[in-house]
N, C-alpha and C. Protein backbone atom coordinates (compact mmCIF):
# COMPACT_ATOMS: atom_id res chain seq x y z
N UNK A 1 9.09 13.00 13.73
CA UNK A 1 9.60 11.98 12.82
C UNK A 1 10.94 11.45 13.35
N UNK A 2 11.80 12.38 13.78
CA UNK A 2 13.10 11.97 14.31
C UNK A 2 12.92 11.16 15.59
N UNK A 3 11.98 11.60 16.44
CA UNK A 3 11.70 10.87 17.68
C UNK A 3 11.28 9.43 17.34
N UNK A 4 10.38 9.29 16.38
CA UNK A 4 9.88 7.98 16.02
C UNK A 4 11.02 7.12 15.50
N UNK A 5 11.91 7.72 14.72
CA UNK A 5 13.05 6.98 14.18
C UNK A 5 13.95 6.50 15.30
N UNK A 6 14.29 7.40 16.23
CA UNK A 6 15.14 7.01 17.35
C UNK A 6 14.47 5.92 18.17
N UNK A 7 13.18 6.05 18.39
CA UNK A 7 12.44 5.04 19.16
C UNK A 7 12.49 3.69 18.45
N UNK A 8 12.28 3.72 17.14
CA UNK A 8 12.30 2.47 16.38
C UNK A 8 13.67 1.82 16.44
N UNK A 9 14.71 2.63 16.27
CA UNK A 9 16.08 2.11 16.32
C UNK A 9 16.37 1.52 17.70
N UNK A 10 15.94 2.22 18.75
CA UNK A 10 16.17 1.73 20.12
C UNK A 10 15.45 0.40 20.34
N UNK A 11 14.19 0.33 19.92
CA UNK A 11 13.42 -0.90 20.10
C UNK A 11 14.06 -2.03 19.31
N UNK A 12 14.52 -1.73 18.08
CA UNK A 12 15.13 -2.76 17.25
C UNK A 12 16.39 -3.30 17.90
N UNK A 13 17.24 -2.41 18.41
CA UNK A 13 18.46 -2.85 19.07
C UNK A 13 18.14 -3.64 20.33
N UNK A 14 17.11 -3.19 21.07
CA UNK A 14 16.68 -3.94 22.25
C UNK A 14 16.22 -5.34 21.86
N UNK A 15 15.49 -5.43 20.75
CA UNK A 15 15.01 -6.73 20.30
C UNK A 15 16.18 -7.64 19.93
N UNK A 16 17.20 -7.06 19.28
CA UNK A 16 18.37 -7.84 18.90
C UNK A 16 19.08 -8.37 20.14
N UNK A 17 19.28 -7.49 21.13
CA UNK A 17 19.95 -7.90 22.36
C UNK A 17 19.15 -8.98 23.08
N UNK A 18 17.84 -8.76 23.19
CA UNK A 18 17.00 -9.74 23.88
C UNK A 18 16.94 -11.05 23.11
N UNK A 19 16.91 -10.96 21.78
CA UNK A 19 16.91 -12.17 20.97
C UNK A 19 18.17 -12.99 21.21
N UNK A 20 19.32 -12.31 21.28
CA UNK A 20 20.57 -13.00 21.57
C UNK A 20 20.53 -13.64 22.96
N UNK A 21 20.02 -12.87 23.94
CA UNK A 21 19.93 -13.41 25.30
C UNK A 21 19.00 -14.62 25.34
N UNK A 22 17.87 -14.53 24.66
CA UNK A 22 16.89 -15.61 24.69
C UNK A 22 17.44 -16.85 23.98
N UNK A 23 18.17 -16.63 22.88
CA UNK A 23 18.77 -17.76 22.19
C UNK A 23 19.82 -18.40 23.09
N UNK A 24 20.51 -17.56 23.84
CA UNK A 24 21.55 -18.06 24.74
C UNK A 24 20.95 -18.87 25.88
N UNK A 25 19.83 -18.39 26.42
CA UNK A 25 19.22 -19.07 27.56
C UNK A 25 18.42 -20.28 27.13
N UNK A 26 17.90 -20.26 25.91
CA UNK A 26 17.21 -21.44 25.38
C UNK A 26 15.85 -21.67 26.01
N UNK A 27 15.70 -22.79 26.72
CA UNK A 27 14.40 -23.22 27.22
C UNK A 27 13.86 -22.24 28.26
N UNK A 28 14.76 -21.64 29.04
CA UNK A 28 14.31 -20.74 30.09
C UNK A 28 13.57 -19.53 29.51
N UNK A 29 13.77 -19.25 28.21
CA UNK A 29 13.02 -18.18 27.57
C UNK A 29 11.52 -18.47 27.63
N UNK A 30 11.15 -19.72 27.42
CA UNK A 30 9.73 -20.09 27.45
C UNK A 30 9.16 -19.85 28.85
N UNK A 31 9.92 -20.27 29.86
CA UNK A 31 9.48 -20.07 31.24
C UNK A 31 9.35 -18.59 31.54
N UNK A 32 10.38 -17.82 31.13
CA UNK A 32 10.34 -16.37 31.34
C UNK A 32 9.13 -15.76 30.64
N UNK A 33 8.89 -16.19 29.42
CA UNK A 33 7.80 -15.63 28.64
C UNK A 33 6.46 -15.92 29.31
N UNK A 34 6.28 -17.13 29.81
CA UNK A 34 5.01 -17.49 30.43
C UNK A 34 4.83 -16.79 31.78
N UNK A 35 5.94 -16.66 32.53
CA UNK A 35 5.81 -16.15 33.89
C UNK A 35 5.80 -14.63 33.94
N UNK A 36 6.64 -13.98 33.12
CA UNK A 36 6.89 -12.56 33.28
C UNK A 36 6.46 -11.73 32.08
N UNK A 37 5.57 -12.29 31.25
CA UNK A 37 5.13 -11.56 30.05
C UNK A 37 4.50 -10.23 30.44
N UNK A 38 3.66 -10.25 31.50
CA UNK A 38 2.97 -9.01 31.87
C UNK A 38 3.96 -7.97 32.39
N UNK A 39 4.99 -8.40 33.14
CA UNK A 39 6.00 -7.45 33.61
C UNK A 39 6.78 -6.87 32.44
N UNK A 40 7.06 -7.71 31.44
CA UNK A 40 7.76 -7.25 30.25
C UNK A 40 6.93 -6.19 29.53
N UNK A 41 5.63 -6.40 29.45
CA UNK A 41 4.74 -5.43 28.82
C UNK A 41 4.75 -4.12 29.60
N UNK A 42 4.71 -4.22 30.94
CA UNK A 42 4.77 -3.01 31.77
C UNK A 42 6.06 -2.24 31.53
N UNK A 43 7.18 -2.97 31.44
CA UNK A 43 8.48 -2.32 31.21
C UNK A 43 8.49 -1.62 29.85
N UNK A 44 7.94 -2.28 28.82
CA UNK A 44 7.91 -1.67 27.50
C UNK A 44 7.04 -0.42 27.50
N UNK A 45 5.91 -0.46 28.20
CA UNK A 45 5.05 0.71 28.30
C UNK A 45 5.78 1.85 29.01
N UNK A 46 6.50 1.50 30.09
CA UNK A 46 7.27 2.49 30.84
C UNK A 46 8.34 3.12 29.96
N UNK A 47 9.04 2.29 29.19
CA UNK A 47 10.08 2.81 28.30
C UNK A 47 9.48 3.70 27.23
N UNK A 48 8.34 3.31 26.67
CA UNK A 48 7.73 4.11 25.63
C UNK A 48 7.28 5.46 26.19
N UNK A 49 6.82 5.48 27.45
CA UNK A 49 6.46 6.75 28.09
C UNK A 49 7.70 7.64 28.22
N UNK A 50 8.81 7.07 28.62
CA UNK A 50 10.06 7.84 28.76
C UNK A 50 10.46 8.41 27.41
N UNK A 51 10.43 7.57 26.37
CA UNK A 51 10.88 8.02 25.05
C UNK A 51 9.96 9.08 24.49
N UNK A 52 8.66 8.97 24.76
CA UNK A 52 7.73 9.96 24.21
C UNK A 52 7.82 11.28 24.98
N UNK A 53 8.29 11.23 26.25
CA UNK A 53 8.38 12.44 27.05
C UNK A 53 9.68 13.21 26.85
N UNK A 54 10.71 12.55 26.31
CA UNK A 54 11.98 13.24 26.09
C UNK A 54 11.83 14.26 24.97
N UNK A 55 12.31 15.49 25.16
CA UNK A 55 12.17 16.54 24.14
C UNK A 55 13.09 16.30 22.95
């Protein structure tokens, strides 16, 4: 339960940071989203593996 909470908090803070970055970059967010969506998904999967493996 604590792990899930920490993971949720981390993801939420990441979303806030990325949201600020995307708002700052504006149109390039669309380009990034179209071009690198699959890499972003891979990174999120990698991060979730790290978080689930930490004791």
